[in-house]
Amino acid sequence: MSDAPTQIQYDDFAKIDLRVGTVLTAEAHPNADKLLVLTIDLGTERRQIVAGIRAFYDPAALVGRQVVVVANLAPRAMRGMESQGMVLAASSTDKSAVVLVSPDKAIAPGARVS
């Protein structure tokens, strides 16, 4: 069995709607030690996104930060709260470090990422 990811076609990738969002609020999930509940401004709307980054980020430090969001991911319940997207992050091989994917300069919320 190989650890290599499955190769996809460009049309598959083009289905993913990546957007820049600005974190408006961030707080610890009341029922999960590893999750944060974020309110994200995507320009035309606000979304609640539940992210497994609590061990790596202080919620207060996230407010105002821009992140990359998978905006067209179907909503999913996570420990009793609805997550309306996914915040992208990179993690080290041993999972000891997680860093959020974000633009290197400020840009309007809702900007497309390609």
N, C-alpha and C. Protein backbone atom coordinates (compact mmCIF):
# COMPACT_ATOMS: atom_id res chain seq x y z
N MET A 1 0.84 -1.18 0.00
CA MET A 1 0.00 0.00 0.00
C MET A 1 0.89 1.24 0.00
N SER A 2 0.57 2.22 -0.82
CA SER A 2 1.36 3.43 -0.96
C SER A 2 0.76 4.57 -0.13
N ASP A 3 1.63 5.44 0.36
CA ASP A 3 1.18 6.63 1.10
C ASP A 3 0.96 7.82 0.18
N ALA A 4 1.22 7.64 -1.10
CA ALA A 4 1.06 8.73 -2.06
C ALA A 4 -0.42 9.06 -2.22
N PRO A 5 -0.73 10.36 -2.28
CA PRO A 5 -2.14 10.73 -2.46
C PRO A 5 -2.64 10.34 -3.84
N THR A 6 -3.93 10.15 -3.93
CA THR A 6 -4.57 9.82 -5.21
C THR A 6 -4.45 11.02 -6.14
N GLN A 7 -4.02 10.78 -7.35
CA GLN A 7 -3.92 11.85 -8.33
C GLN A 7 -5.32 12.22 -8.82
N ILE A 8 -5.57 13.53 -8.93
CA ILE A 8 -6.85 14.01 -9.43
C ILE A 8 -6.64 14.82 -10.71
N GLN A 9 -7.71 15.02 -11.42
CA GLN A 9 -7.68 15.84 -12.63
C GLN A 9 -7.93 17.31 -12.25
N TYR A 10 -7.54 18.21 -13.15
CA TYR A 10 -7.75 19.64 -12.89
C TYR A 10 -9.22 19.94 -12.61
N ASP A 11 -10.12 19.31 -13.34
CA ASP A 11 -11.56 19.55 -13.14
C ASP A 11 -12.00 19.21 -11.73
N ASP A 12 -11.37 18.21 -11.10
CA ASP A 12 -11.68 17.88 -9.71
C ASP A 12 -11.25 19.03 -8.79
N PHE A 13 -10.03 19.51 -8.99
CA PHE A 13 -9.52 20.62 -8.18
C PHE A 13 -10.36 21.88 -8.37
N ALA A 14 -10.79 22.12 -9.60
CA ALA A 14 -11.56 23.33 -9.91
C ALA A 14 -12.90 23.38 -9.17
N LYS A 15 -13.37 22.26 -8.67
CA LYS A 15 -14.62 22.22 -7.92
C LYS A 15 -14.48 22.83 -6.53
N ILE A 16 -13.25 22.93 -6.03
CA ILE A 16 -13.03 23.44 -4.68
C ILE A 16 -13.01 24.96 -4.71
N ASP A 17 -13.86 25.58 -3.89
CA ASP A 17 -13.95 27.04 -3.80
C ASP A 17 -13.15 27.49 -2.59
N LEU A 18 -11.92 27.95 -2.84
CA LEU A 18 -11.06 28.45 -1.78
C LEU A 18 -11.22 29.96 -1.70
N ARG A 19 -11.45 30.46 -0.48
CA ARG A 19 -11.67 31.89 -0.27
C ARG A 19 -10.85 32.37 0.92
N VAL A 20 -10.48 33.64 0.89
CA VAL A 20 -9.86 34.26 2.05
C VAL A 20 -10.96 34.72 2.98
N GLY A 21 -10.80 34.41 4.25
CA GLY A 21 -11.75 34.85 5.26
C GLY A 21 -11.02 35.52 6.40
N THR A 22 -11.73 36.41 7.09
CA THR A 22 -11.16 37.09 8.25
C THR A 22 -11.85 36.56 9.50
N VAL A 23 -11.06 36.16 10.48
CA VAL A 23 -11.62 35.63 11.73
C VAL A 23 -12.20 36.78 12.54
N LEU A 24 -13.51 36.70 12.81
CA LEU A 24 -14.20 37.72 13.61
C LEU A 24 -14.23 37.35 15.09
N THR A 25 -14.48 36.07 15.37
CA THR A 25 -14.48 35.58 16.75
C THR A 25 -13.85 34.20 16.77
N ALA A 26 -13.29 33.85 17.92
CA ALA A 26 -12.71 32.52 18.12
C ALA A 26 -12.87 32.17 19.59
N GLU A 27 -13.42 30.98 19.82
CA GLU A 27 -13.58 30.54 21.21
C GLU A 27 -13.46 29.02 21.29
N ALA A 28 -13.14 28.56 22.48
CA ALA A 28 -13.01 27.13 22.70
C ALA A 28 -14.37 26.45 22.54
N HIS A 29 -14.37 25.30 21.90
CA HIS A 29 -15.59 24.49 21.77
C HIS A 29 -15.96 23.99 23.18
N PRO A 30 -17.22 24.13 23.57
CA PRO A 30 -17.59 23.74 24.93
C PRO A 30 -17.54 22.24 25.20
N ASN A 31 -17.54 21.41 24.15
CA ASN A 31 -17.58 19.96 24.33
C ASN A 31 -16.40 19.21 23.73
N ALA A 32 -15.31 19.92 23.43
CA ALA A 32 -14.18 19.26 22.79
C ALA A 32 -12.88 19.99 23.12
N ASP A 33 -11.91 19.26 23.63
CA ASP A 33 -10.64 19.86 24.04
C ASP A 33 -9.76 20.31 22.87
N LYS A 34 -9.96 19.74 21.69
CA LYS A 34 -9.08 20.03 20.56
C LYS A 34 -9.66 21.03 19.57
N LEU A 35 -10.91 21.46 19.78
CA LEU A 35 -11.60 22.27 18.77
C LEU A 35 -11.78 23.73 19.19
N LEU A 36 -11.71 24.61 18.19
CA LEU A 36 -12.10 26.01 18.34
C LEU A 36 -13.28 26.27 17.44
N VAL A 37 -14.16 27.17 17.86
CA VAL A 37 -15.30 27.58 17.06
C VAL A 37 -14.99 29.00 16.57
N LEU A 38 -14.91 29.15 15.26
CA LEU A 38 -14.55 30.42 14.63
C LEU A 38 -15.75 31.01 13.89
N THR A 39 -15.88 32.32 13.94
CA THR A 39 -16.80 33.03 13.05
C THR A 39 -15.92 33.72 12.02
N ILE A 40 -16.18 33.41 10.75
CA ILE A 40 -15.33 33.88 9.65
C ILE A 40 -16.14 34.79 8.73
N ASP A 41 -15.58 35.94 8.39
CA ASP A 41 -16.17 36.85 7.42
C ASP A 41 -15.64 36.47 6.04
N LEU A 42 -16.56 36.05 5.15
CA LEU A 42 -16.18 35.69 3.78
C LEU A 42 -16.61 36.76 2.79
N GLY A 43 -16.78 37.98 3.24
CA GLY A 43 -17.15 39.08 2.36
C GLY A 43 -18.64 39.25 2.22
N THR A 44 -19.31 38.27 1.63
CA THR A 44 -20.75 38.35 1.41
C THR A 44 -21.54 37.64 2.50
N GLU A 45 -20.84 36.92 3.37
CA GLU A 45 -21.52 36.18 4.43
C GLU A 45 -20.55 35.86 5.56
N ARG A 46 -21.13 35.50 6.69
CA ARG A 46 -20.36 35.03 7.84
C ARG A 46 -20.63 33.55 8.03
N ARG A 47 -19.59 32.80 8.39
CA ARG A 47 -19.73 31.36 8.59
C ARG A 47 -19.17 30.97 9.94
N GLN A 48 -19.77 29.92 10.51
CA GLN A 48 -19.21 29.28 11.69
C GLN A 48 -18.39 28.08 11.22
N ILE A 49 -17.14 28.04 11.62
CA ILE A 49 -16.27 26.93 11.25
C ILE A 49 -15.63 26.37 12.51
N VAL A 50 -15.72 25.06 12.66
CA VAL A 50 -15.11 24.37 13.79
C VAL A 50 -13.78 23.79 13.30
N ALA A 51 -12.70 24.12 14.01
CA ALA A 51 -11.36 23.72 13.57
C ALA A 51 -10.59 23.04 14.70
N GLY A 52 -9.85 22.02 14.37
CA GLY A 52 -9.07 21.27 15.35
C GLY A 52 -7.70 21.88 15.60
N ILE A 53 -7.67 23.14 16.00
CA ILE A 53 -6.41 23.87 16.16
C ILE A 53 -6.22 24.41 17.57
N ARG A 54 -7.04 23.99 18.50
CA ARG A 54 -7.03 24.55 19.86
C ARG A 54 -5.68 24.39 20.56
N ALA A 55 -4.98 23.29 20.33
CA ALA A 55 -3.70 23.07 20.98
C ALA A 55 -2.59 23.96 20.43
N PHE A 56 -2.84 24.61 19.29
CA PHE A 56 -1.79 25.36 18.62
C PHE A 56 -2.02 26.87 18.56
N TYR A 57 -3.26 27.30 18.84
CA TYR A 57 -3.58 28.72 18.72
C TYR A 57 -4.41 29.20 19.90
N ASP A 58 -4.03 30.37 20.41
CA ASP A 58 -4.82 31.06 21.41
C ASP A 58 -5.98 31.73 20.68
N PRO A 59 -7.21 31.48 21.10
CA PRO A 59 -8.36 32.07 20.37
C PRO A 59 -8.25 33.58 20.17
N ALA A 60 -7.83 34.31 21.18
CA ALA A 60 -7.75 35.77 21.07
C ALA A 60 -6.77 36.21 19.99
N ALA A 61 -5.71 35.44 19.79
CA ALA A 61 -4.70 35.79 18.79
C ALA A 61 -5.19 35.57 17.36
N LEU A 62 -6.27 34.83 17.19
CA LEU A 62 -6.81 34.57 15.85
C LEU A 62 -7.73 35.67 15.33
N VAL A 63 -8.32 36.43 16.24
CA VAL A 63 -9.28 37.48 15.84
C VAL A 63 -8.56 38.52 14.98
N GLY A 64 -9.12 38.77 13.79
CA GLY A 64 -8.55 39.70 12.85
C GLY A 64 -7.60 39.06 11.84
N ARG A 65 -7.23 37.84 12.07
CA ARG A 65 -6.31 37.15 11.18
C ARG A 65 -7.05 36.64 9.93
N GLN A 66 -6.36 36.68 8.80
CA GLN A 66 -6.94 36.14 7.57
C GLN A 66 -6.46 34.71 7.37
N VAL A 67 -7.39 33.87 6.90
CA VAL A 67 -7.12 32.45 6.69
C VAL A 67 -7.71 32.03 5.35
N VAL A 68 -7.31 30.87 4.87
CA VAL A 68 -7.88 30.31 3.64
C VAL A 68 -8.92 29.27 4.05
N VAL A 69 -10.11 29.38 3.43
CA VAL A 69 -11.26 28.55 3.78
C VAL A 69 -11.74 27.78 2.56
N VAL A 70 -12.09 26.49 2.76
CA VAL A 70 -12.82 25.75 1.73
C VAL A 70 -14.28 26.16 1.91
N ALA A 71 -14.76 27.02 1.01
CA ALA A 71 -16.06 27.65 1.19
C ALA A 71 -17.23 26.80 0.70
N ASN A 72 -16.98 25.82 -0.16
CA ASN A 72 -18.10 25.04 -0.69
C ASN A 72 -18.15 23.62 -0.13
N LEU A 73 -17.54 23.41 1.01
CA LEU A 73 -17.62 22.12 1.68
C LEU A 73 -18.98 22.00 2.35
N ALA A 74 -19.62 20.86 2.20
CA ALA A 74 -20.94 20.66 2.82
C ALA A 74 -20.83 20.80 4.33
N PRO A 75 -21.83 21.43 4.98
CA PRO A 75 -21.81 21.56 6.44
C PRO A 75 -21.72 20.19 7.11
N ARG A 76 -21.08 20.18 8.29
CA ARG A 76 -20.88 18.93 9.02
C ARG A 76 -20.96 19.21 10.52
N ALA A 77 -21.62 18.34 11.24
CA ALA A 77 -21.69 18.48 12.70
C ALA A 77 -20.39 17.98 13.31
N MET A 78 -19.83 18.78 14.20
CA MET A 78 -18.61 18.41 14.90
C MET A 78 -18.83 18.61 16.39
N ARG A 79 -19.00 17.51 17.09
CA ARG A 79 -19.26 17.52 18.52
C ARG A 79 -20.44 18.42 18.87
N GLY A 80 -21.50 18.29 18.07
CA GLY A 80 -22.74 18.99 18.36
C GLY A 80 -22.85 20.40 17.80
N MET A 81 -21.84 20.87 17.08
CA MET A 81 -21.89 22.21 16.48
C MET A 81 -21.68 22.07 14.97
N GLU A 82 -22.41 22.88 14.20
CA GLU A 82 -22.27 22.81 12.74
C GLU A 82 -21.05 23.59 12.28
N SER A 83 -20.23 22.95 11.45
CA SER A 83 -19.11 23.60 10.80
C SER A 83 -19.49 23.83 9.34
N GLN A 84 -19.37 25.07 8.90
CA GLN A 84 -19.82 25.47 7.56
C GLN A 84 -18.63 25.77 6.65
N GLY A 85 -17.67 24.88 6.64
CA GLY A 85 -16.47 25.04 5.82
C GLY A 85 -15.29 24.44 6.53
N MET A 86 -14.10 24.71 5.99
CA MET A 86 -12.87 24.19 6.60
C MET A 86 -11.78 25.25 6.46
N VAL A 87 -11.06 25.48 7.54
CA VAL A 87 -9.90 26.36 7.52
C VAL A 87 -8.70 25.49 7.15
N LEU A 88 -7.91 25.92 6.17
CA LEU A 88 -6.75 25.13 5.75
C LEU A 88 -5.56 25.37 6.67
N ALA A 89 -4.86 24.28 6.97
CA ALA A 89 -3.67 24.34 7.81
C ALA A 89 -2.69 23.28 7.34
N ALA A 90 -1.43 23.51 7.61
CA ALA A 90 -0.38 22.52 7.34
C ALA A 90 0.08 21.97 8.68
N SER A 91 0.42 20.67 8.70
CA SER A 91 0.90 20.08 9.94
C SER A 91 2.20 19.33 9.69
N SER A 92 3.05 19.33 10.71
CA SER A 92 4.31 18.60 10.61
C SER A 92 4.01 17.10 10.54
N THR A 93 4.95 16.35 10.06
CA THR A 93 4.78 14.91 9.90
C THR A 93 4.36 14.23 11.20
N ASP A 94 4.93 14.67 12.31
CA ASP A 94 4.61 14.06 13.60
C ASP A 94 3.44 14.74 14.31
N LYS A 95 2.81 15.70 13.64
CA LYS A 95 1.63 16.41 14.16
C LYS A 95 1.95 17.28 15.39
N SER A 96 3.23 17.60 15.60
CA SER A 96 3.59 18.43 16.75
C SER A 96 3.44 19.92 16.46
N ALA A 97 3.26 20.28 15.20
CA ALA A 97 3.09 21.68 14.81
C ALA A 97 1.99 21.78 13.76
N VAL A 98 1.17 22.79 13.90
CA VAL A 98 0.12 23.09 12.92
C VAL A 98 0.17 24.58 12.65
N VAL A 99 0.17 24.96 11.36
CA VAL A 99 0.18 26.37 10.98
C VAL A 99 -0.94 26.63 9.99
N LEU A 100 -1.63 27.73 10.18
CA LEU A 100 -2.73 28.09 9.29
C LEU A 100 -2.21 28.61 7.96
N VAL A 101 -2.95 28.31 6.91
CA VAL A 101 -2.63 28.84 5.59
C VAL A 101 -3.30 30.21 5.48
N SER A 102 -2.50 31.23 5.12
CA SER A 102 -3.05 32.58 5.04
C SER A 102 -2.31 33.37 3.98
N PRO A 103 -2.95 34.44 3.47
CA PRO A 103 -2.27 35.28 2.47
C PRO A 103 -1.13 36.05 3.13
N ASP A 104 -0.11 36.40 2.34
CA ASP A 104 1.03 37.13 2.92
C ASP A 104 0.77 38.63 3.04
N LYS A 105 -0.31 39.11 2.44
CA LYS A 105 -0.74 40.51 2.57
C LYS A 105 -2.25 40.52 2.75
N ALA A 106 -2.74 41.56 3.41
CA ALA A 106 -4.18 41.68 3.61
C ALA A 106 -4.89 41.84 2.26
N ILE A 107 -6.05 41.19 2.18
CA ILE A 107 -6.88 41.27 0.98
C ILE A 107 -8.34 41.22 1.44
N ALA A 108 -9.25 41.68 0.61
CA ALA A 108 -10.65 41.73 0.99
C ALA A 108 -11.18 40.34 1.30
N PRO A 109 -11.95 40.19 2.38
CA PRO A 109 -12.58 38.89 2.66
C PRO A 109 -13.42 38.44 1.47
N GLY A 110 -13.34 37.16 1.18
CA GLY A 110 -14.08 36.60 0.06
C GLY A 110 -13.25 36.47 -1.20
N ALA A 111 -12.03 37.02 -1.19
CA ALA A 111 -11.17 36.91 -2.37
C ALA A 111 -10.92 35.44 -2.69
N ARG A 112 -10.96 35.09 -3.97
CA ARG A 112 -10.74 33.71 -4.40
C ARG A 112 -9.26 33.37 -4.32
N VAL A 113 -9.00 32.14 -3.96
CA VAL A 113 -7.64 31.60 -3.92
C VAL A 113 -7.54 30.59 -5.05
N SER A 114 -6.50 30.71 -5.87
CA SER A 114 -6.32 29.79 -6.98
C SER A 114 -4.88 29.38 -7.10
